[in-house]
Amino acid sequence: MLESSLSYIGLGGNLGEVGVNFERTLAAMDSWADSTLESVSRIYSSPPMGPLDQPDYLNAVAALRTSRSPLDLLCALQGLERDAGRVSGGQRWGARELDLDLLLYDNLQFEHARLQIPHPGLHLRAFVIHPLAEIAPQLVVPGYGSVASIAARTDASTLTVLQAPST
């Protein structure tokens, strides 16, 4: 693999076989010739952030070493979402089979019409920051401090730890 970067991907979903979708997604990312899956958090359950008339979400975070650019990685992640049955243009924060967010990409701070790194909600969402703290507590989120310190300030009372993905 050419020069690579360490990225962190948030996985979420609340429709269908979410655990199966996570396993397939992680296996697909790890099978890319230009990428290697380095670690994955346990799976957490949490109430939906959007409309409350939907099932609870399952969430996890994966560390992926890749030589893809951030925008190329975003396109690949969106392809995996489509493969899992996600239809673009759905309700914001609505129910979905798979939601993949590029949270961090090395120390990059990046603004583009399609992508912002770090992910703008990263430091506010317990269902993202706590799984991330499992696999990268010393990681620094530009502008916010270490993942461990952010997690310590983020209420995790609505999270339930379920399991580790079987990859």
Foldseek 3Di string as FASTA:
>chain_A
DPDKWKWKKKKKAADDPLLVLVLVVQVVQCPPPFKHWDDKFFKKWFQQPPDRPGGIMIMIMTIMIGPDDPVVVVVVVVVSQVVQPDDPPDDVSDHGSMDMAGQAIHQDADDDPVDGPNPPCQLADLRRLVNVCVPFQQDQRPPPGGSVVSNVVYDCVRMDGDGHRDD
